[in-house]
Amino acid sequence: MSFIIENGVLKGYTGSDTDIVIPDEVKEFAGAPAFLGKEEPFTLTLSPNMTCRFGDLLSEGIAVVNIPAGTTFTCSDCSPNHTSFYTRLKEINVDPANESCASVNGILYSKDMTVLYACPAAYEGDVEIPETVRTIGRRAFSGCTLIREIVLPDSVTTIDDDAFSYCTGLTSVTIPDSVT
């Protein structure tokens, strides 16, 4: 087995798979991130029985994160874009039955879709944000160098710190008058 698990805690990963599914018995991570140093692109599916945050997943190689219905994904100030570890991350997929967060087109939102938490750094294409969003979270688009245009709906009232930092490819952001 490629996983080092003790009493429901994932302590390490020694495999070389490109599609990693964390076993159901894992409830949490401990210590240094299990995938740190794994540089080849891979898809990571979290255990449906665990509590997790981006800081637990540090890895240069994560290309896709799948968050099942039972996973509690802690999202406050959770943007992966504030580190150099997520440069290959293209999409974050959340099961619609998940109670802690949601995703649309690979972008991470609060469950009620009022906060945009994170756009993956390797996301490609223009972004049109849903009308339900009121807040663009801290560092939400930071480091998204492949995005050219972002359209914010009139529902947005708050843009948190560093939301668009290091977006070197960004040529257009439409900011509505509703933003204070």
C-alpha atoms as a PDB file:
ATOM      1  CA  MET A   1       0.000   0.000   0.000  1.00  0.00           C
ATOM      2  CA  SER A   2       1.292   3.479  -0.866  1.00  0.00           C
ATOM      3  CA  PHE A   3      -0.387   5.206   2.066  1.00  0.00           C
ATOM      4  CA  ILE A   4       0.991   5.481   5.585  1.00  0.00           C
ATOM      5  CA  ILE A   5      -2.082   5.647   7.826  1.00  0.00           C
ATOM      6  CA  GLU A   6      -2.195   5.508  11.621  1.00  0.00           C
ATOM      7  CA  ASN A   7      -5.510   5.634  13.494  1.00  0.00           C
ATOM      8  CA  GLY A   8      -7.289   7.378  10.602  1.00  0.00           C
ATOM      9  CA  VAL A   9      -4.487   9.931  10.108  1.00  0.00           C
ATOM     10  CA  LEU A  10      -2.669  10.082   6.764  1.00  0.00           C
ATOM     11  CA  LYS A  11       0.995  10.452   7.642  1.00  0.00           C
ATOM     12  CA  GLY A  12       2.518   9.894   4.214  1.00  0.00           C
ATOM     13  CA  TYR A  13       2.260   8.687   0.648  1.00  0.00           C
ATOM     14  CA  THR A  14       4.995   6.698  -1.098  1.00  0.00           C
ATOM     15  CA  GLY A  15       3.367   5.817  -4.408  1.00  0.00           C
ATOM     16  CA  SER A  16       3.756   7.186  -7.907  1.00  0.00           C
ATOM     17  CA  ASP A  17       0.145   7.024  -9.101  1.00  0.00           C
ATOM     18  CA  THR A  18      -1.295   9.784 -11.287  1.00  0.00           C
ATOM     19  CA  ASP A  19      -4.814   9.214  -9.927  1.00  0.00           C
ATOM     20  CA  ILE A  20      -4.641   9.163  -6.138  1.00  0.00           C
ATOM     21  CA  VAL A  21      -7.752   8.311  -4.130  1.00  0.00           C
ATOM     22  CA  ILE A  22      -7.326   8.727  -0.387  1.00  0.00           C
ATOM     23  CA  PRO A  23      -8.822   5.681   1.387  1.00  0.00           C
ATOM     24  CA  ASP A  24     -12.138   6.035   3.219  1.00  0.00           C
ATOM     25  CA  GLU A  25     -10.443   5.226   6.538  1.00  0.00           C
ATOM     26  CA  VAL A  26      -8.496   8.525   6.453  1.00  0.00           C
ATOM     27  CA  LYS A  27     -10.084  11.190   8.660  1.00  0.00           C
ATOM     28  CA  GLU A  28      -7.319  13.821   8.580  1.00  0.00           C
ATOM     29  CA  PHE A  29      -3.750  14.676   7.612  1.00  0.00           C
ATOM     30  CA  ALA A  30      -0.896  15.066  10.095  1.00  0.00           C
ATOM     31  CA  GLY A  31       2.559  16.554   9.957  1.00  0.00           C
ATOM     32  CA  ALA A  32       4.199  17.499   6.670  1.00  0.00           C
ATOM     33  CA  PRO A  33       1.843  17.259   3.696  1.00  0.00           C
ATOM     34  CA  ALA A  34       1.769  13.706   2.362  1.00  0.00           C
ATOM     35  CA  PHE A  35       2.220  14.787  -1.269  1.00  0.00           C
ATOM     36  CA  LEU A  36       4.981  17.354  -0.798  1.00  0.00           C
ATOM     37  CA  GLY A  37       7.710  16.777  -3.378  1.00  0.00           C
ATOM     38  CA  LYS A  38       5.449  14.902  -5.792  1.00  0.00           C
ATOM     39  CA  GLU A  39       6.033  17.008  -8.903  1.00  0.00           C
ATOM     40  CA  GLU A  40       4.464  14.950 -11.704  1.00  0.00           C
ATOM     41  CA  PRO A  41       0.850  16.033 -12.428  1.00  0.00           C
ATOM     42  CA  PHE A  42      -1.770  13.994 -10.598  1.00  0.00           C
ATOM     43  CA  THR A  43      -5.443  13.959  -9.661  1.00  0.00           C
ATOM     44  CA  LEU A  44      -6.254  13.792  -5.953  1.00  0.00           C
ATOM     45  CA  THR A  45      -9.595  12.581  -4.626  1.00  0.00           C
ATOM     46  CA  LEU A  46     -10.068  13.206  -0.923  1.00  0.00           C
ATOM     47  CA  SER A  47     -11.606  10.703   1.485  1.00  0.00           C
ATOM     48  CA  PRO A  48     -15.350  11.237   1.976  1.00  0.00           C
ATOM     49  CA  ASN A  49     -14.786  10.931   5.728  1.00  0.00           C
ATOM     50  CA  MET A  50     -12.097  13.544   6.280  1.00  0.00           C
ATOM     51  CA  THR A  51     -11.603  17.148   7.301  1.00  0.00           C
ATOM     52  CA  CYS A  52      -9.128  18.998   5.099  1.00  0.00           C
ATOM     53  CA  ARG A  53      -7.802  22.412   3.994  1.00  0.00           C
ATOM     54  CA  PHE A  54      -5.442  23.492   1.210  1.00  0.00           C
ATOM     55  CA  GLY A  55      -2.482  23.661   3.604  1.00  0.00           C
ATOM     56  CA  ASP A  56      -2.778  19.884   4.020  1.00  0.00           C
ATOM     57  CA  LEU A  57      -2.359  19.311   0.284  1.00  0.00           C
ATOM     58  CA  LEU A  58       0.866  21.132  -0.532  1.00  0.00           C
ATOM     59  CA  SER A  59       2.328  19.638  -3.694  1.00  0.00           C
ATOM     60  CA  GLU A  60       3.795  20.914  -6.914  1.00  0.00           C
ATOM     61  CA  GLY A  61       1.986  18.257  -8.931  1.00  0.00           C
ATOM     62  CA  ILE A  62      -1.699  18.480  -8.025  1.00  0.00           C
ATOM     63  CA  ALA A  63      -3.608  19.156 -11.246  1.00  0.00           C
ATOM     64  CA  VAL A  64      -7.137  18.286 -10.075  1.00  0.00           C
ATOM     65  CA  VAL A  65      -8.662  18.092  -6.591  1.00  0.00           C
ATOM     66  CA  ASN A  66     -11.919  16.171  -6.139  1.00  0.00           C
ATOM     67  CA  ILE A  67     -13.853  16.865  -2.947  1.00  0.00           C
ATOM     68  CA  PRO A  68     -16.517  14.197  -2.213  1.00  0.00           C
ATOM     69  CA  ALA A  69     -19.851  14.782  -0.496  1.00  0.00           C
ATOM     70  CA  GLY A  70     -18.714  13.733   2.988  1.00  0.00           C
ATOM     71  CA  THR A  71     -15.459  15.708   3.058  1.00  0.00           C
ATOM     72  CA  THR A  72     -15.380  18.769   5.281  1.00  0.00           C
ATOM     73  CA  PHE A  73     -13.220  21.208   3.360  1.00  0.00           C
ATOM     74  CA  THR A  74     -12.284  24.247   5.442  1.00  0.00           C
ATOM     75  CA  CYS A  75     -12.382  27.238   3.152  1.00  0.00           C
ATOM     76  CA  SER A  76     -11.790  30.380   5.200  1.00  0.00           C
ATOM     77  CA  ASP A  77      -8.824  32.160   3.595  1.00  0.00           C
ATOM     78  CA  CYS A  78      -8.198  28.920   1.737  1.00  0.00           C
ATOM     79  CA  SER A  79      -6.947  30.050  -1.628  1.00  0.00           C
ATOM     80  CA  PRO A  80      -4.187  27.759  -2.837  1.00  0.00           C
ATOM     81  CA  ASN A  81      -2.754  30.586  -4.889  1.00  0.00           C
ATOM     82  CA  HIS A  82      -0.700  32.204  -2.133  1.00  0.00           C
ATOM     83  CA  THR A  83       2.026  29.564  -2.462  1.00  0.00           C
ATOM     84  CA  SER A  84       4.104  28.222  -5.311  1.00  0.00           C
ATOM     85  CA  PHE A  85       2.836  24.702  -4.671  1.00  0.00           C
ATOM     86  CA  TYR A  86      -0.313  24.798  -6.793  1.00  0.00           C
ATOM     87  CA  THR A  87       0.996  26.078 -10.135  1.00  0.00           C
ATOM     88  CA  ARG A  88      -0.379  23.013 -11.992  1.00  0.00           C
ATOM     89  CA  LEU A  89      -3.815  23.060 -10.337  1.00  0.00           C
ATOM     90  CA  LYS A  90      -6.409  23.374 -13.125  1.00  0.00           C
ATOM     91  CA  GLU A  91      -9.639  22.457 -11.415  1.00  0.00           C
ATOM     92  CA  ILE A  92     -11.330  21.896  -8.100  1.00  0.00           C
ATOM     93  CA  ASN A  93     -14.397  19.667  -8.296  1.00  0.00           C
ATOM     94  CA  VAL A  94     -16.865  19.442  -5.436  1.00  0.00           C
ATOM     95  CA  ASP A  95     -19.648  16.873  -5.211  1.00  0.00           C
ATOM     96  CA  PRO A  96     -22.969  18.809  -5.245  1.00  0.00           C
ATOM     97  CA  ALA A  97     -23.992  17.040  -2.022  1.00  0.00           C
ATOM     98  CA  ASN A  98     -20.958  18.413  -0.134  1.00  0.00           C
ATOM     99  CA  GLU A  99     -22.085  20.555   2.806  1.00  0.00           C
ATOM    100  CA  SER A 100     -18.959  22.727   3.191  1.00  0.00           C
ATOM    101  CA  CYS A 101     -18.272  24.115  -0.306  1.00  0.00           C
ATOM    102  CA  ALA A 102     -19.234  24.078  -3.990  1.00  0.00           C
ATOM    103  CA  SER A 103     -17.598  24.378  -7.396  1.00  0.00           C
ATOM    104  CA  VAL A 104     -18.604  25.626 -10.808  1.00  0.00           C
ATOM    105  CA  ASN A 105     -16.355  25.075 -13.827  1.00  0.00           C
ATOM    106  CA  GLY A 106     -13.495  24.018 -11.545  1.00  0.00           C
ATOM    107  CA  ILE A 107     -13.605  27.149  -9.346  1.00  0.00           C
ATOM    108  CA  LEU A 108     -14.167  26.827  -5.566  1.00  0.00           C
ATOM    109  CA  TYR A 109     -17.052  28.692  -3.860  1.00  0.00           C
ATOM    110  CA  SER A 110     -18.772  28.717  -0.497  1.00  0.00           C
ATOM    111  CA  LYS A 111     -21.653  26.247  -0.304  1.00  0.00           C
ATOM    112  CA  ASP A 112     -24.213  29.050  -0.731  1.00  0.00           C
ATOM    113  CA  MET A 113     -22.242  30.418  -3.730  1.00  0.00           C
ATOM    114  CA  THR A 114     -21.850  33.882  -2.165  1.00  0.00           C
ATOM    115  CA  VAL A 115     -18.049  33.748  -1.780  1.00  0.00           C
ATOM    116  CA  LEU A 116     -15.579  32.870  -4.522  1.00  0.00           C
ATOM    117  CA  TYR A 117     -12.728  31.251  -2.580  1.00  0.00           C
ATOM    118  CA  ALA A 118     -10.275  30.099  -5.229  1.00  0.00           C
ATOM    119  CA  CYS A 119      -9.694  29.949  -8.919  1.00  0.00           C
ATOM    120  CA  PRO A 120      -6.952  27.385  -9.637  1.00  0.00           C
ATOM    121  CA  ALA A 121      -3.649  28.931 -10.742  1.00  0.00           C
ATOM    122  CA  ALA A 122      -3.540  26.925 -13.996  1.00  0.00           C
ATOM    123  CA  TYR A 123      -7.147  27.722 -14.908  1.00  0.00           C
ATOM    124  CA  GLU A 124      -7.418  28.656 -18.576  1.00  0.00           C
ATOM    125  CA  GLY A 125     -10.008  30.878 -20.219  1.00  0.00           C
ATOM    126  CA  ASP A 126     -12.130  33.825 -19.278  1.00  0.00           C
ATOM    127  CA  VAL A 127     -14.111  33.810 -16.024  1.00  0.00           C
ATOM    128  CA  GLU A 128     -17.701  34.932 -15.658  1.00  0.00           C
ATOM    129  CA  ILE A 129     -18.693  34.836 -12.018  1.00  0.00           C
ATOM    130  CA  PRO A 130     -22.235  33.727 -11.036  1.00  0.00           C
ATOM    131  CA  GLU A 131     -24.780  36.379  -9.974  1.00  0.00           C
ATOM    132  CA  THR A 132     -24.979  34.861  -6.466  1.00  0.00           C
ATOM    133  CA  VAL A 133     -21.408  35.848  -5.548  1.00  0.00           C
ATOM    134  CA  ARG A 134     -21.047  38.835  -3.191  1.00  0.00           C
ATOM    135  CA  THR A 135     -17.402  38.448  -2.133  1.00  0.00           C
ATOM    136  CA  ILE A 136     -14.198  37.675  -4.011  1.00  0.00           C
ATOM    137  CA  GLY A 137     -12.007  36.029  -1.380  1.00  0.00           C
ATOM    138  CA  ARG A 138      -8.465  36.868  -0.358  1.00  0.00           C
ATOM    139  CA  ARG A 139      -6.001  35.780  -3.075  1.00  0.00           C
ATOM    140  CA  ALA A 140      -8.874  34.167  -5.012  1.00  0.00           C
ATOM    141  CA  PHE A 141      -7.217  34.724  -8.404  1.00  0.00           C
ATOM    142  CA  SER A 142      -3.658  35.362  -7.245  1.00  0.00           C
ATOM    143  CA  GLY A 143      -1.162  33.779  -9.627  1.00  0.00           C
ATOM    144  CA  CYS A 144      -3.740  32.927 -12.288  1.00  0.00           C
ATOM    145  CA  THR A 145      -1.477  33.835 -15.200  1.00  0.00           C
ATOM    146  CA  LEU A 146      -3.575  32.166 -17.929  1.00  0.00           C
ATOM    147  CA  ILE A 147      -6.803  34.110 -17.338  1.00  0.00           C
ATOM    148  CA  ARG A 148      -7.316  37.075 -19.675  1.00  0.00           C
ATOM    149  CA  GLU A 149     -10.696  38.453 -18.582  1.00  0.00           C
ATOM    150  CA  ILE A 150     -12.833  38.339 -15.432  1.00  0.00           C
ATOM    151  CA  VAL A 151     -16.393  39.638 -15.364  1.00  0.00           C
ATOM    152  CA  LEU A 152     -17.786  40.422 -11.920  1.00  0.00           C
ATOM    153  CA  PRO A 153     -21.582  40.587 -11.571  1.00  0.00           C
ATOM    154  CA  ASP A 154     -23.395  43.516  -9.933  1.00  0.00           C
ATOM    155  CA  SER A 155     -23.979  41.277  -6.893  1.00  0.00           C
ATOM    156  CA  VAL A 156     -20.291  41.598  -5.863  1.00  0.00           C
ATOM    157  CA  THR A 157     -19.801  44.132  -3.072  1.00  0.00           C
ATOM    158  CA  THR A 158     -16.431  43.097  -1.634  1.00  0.00           C
ATOM    159  CA  ILE A 159     -13.054  42.216  -3.133  1.00  0.00           C
ATOM    160  CA  ASP A 160     -10.637  41.006  -0.472  1.00  0.00           C
ATOM    161  CA  ASP A 161      -6.872  41.662  -0.343  1.00  0.00           C
ATOM    162  CA  ASP A 162      -4.630  40.425  -3.143  1.00  0.00           C
ATOM    163  CA  ALA A 163      -7.591  38.951  -5.050  1.00  0.00           C
ATOM    164  CA  PHE A 164      -5.923  39.621  -8.414  1.00  0.00           C
ATOM    165  CA  SER A 165      -2.236  39.754  -7.467  1.00  0.00           C
ATOM    166  CA  TYR A 166       0.248  38.211  -9.904  1.00  0.00           C
ATOM    167  CA  CYS A 167      -2.376  37.799 -12.642  1.00  0.00           C
ATOM    168  CA  THR A 168       0.178  38.671 -15.289  1.00  0.00           C
ATOM    169  CA  GLY A 169      -2.016  37.623 -18.225  1.00  0.00           C
ATOM    170  CA  LEU A 170      -5.095  39.521 -17.069  1.00  0.00           C
ATOM    171  CA  THR A 171      -6.070  42.198 -19.560  1.00  0.00           C
ATOM    172  CA  SER A 172      -9.598  43.045 -18.365  1.00  0.00           C
ATOM    173  CA  VAL A 173     -11.528  43.007 -15.089  1.00  0.00           C
ATOM    174  CA  THR A 174     -15.033  44.436 -15.087  1.00  0.00           C
ATOM    175  CA  ILE A 175     -15.666  45.761 -11.575  1.00  0.00           C
ATOM    176  CA  PRO A 176     -19.263  46.842 -10.913  1.00  0.00           C
ATOM    177  CA  ASP A 177     -20.192  50.046  -9.073  1.00  0.00           C
ATOM    178  CA  SER A 178     -21.562  47.866  -6.245  1.00  0.00           C
ATOM    179  CA  VAL A 179     -18.001  47.160  -4.982  1.00  0.00           C
ATOM    180  CA  THR A 180     -17.126  49.265  -1.938  1.00  0.00           C
END
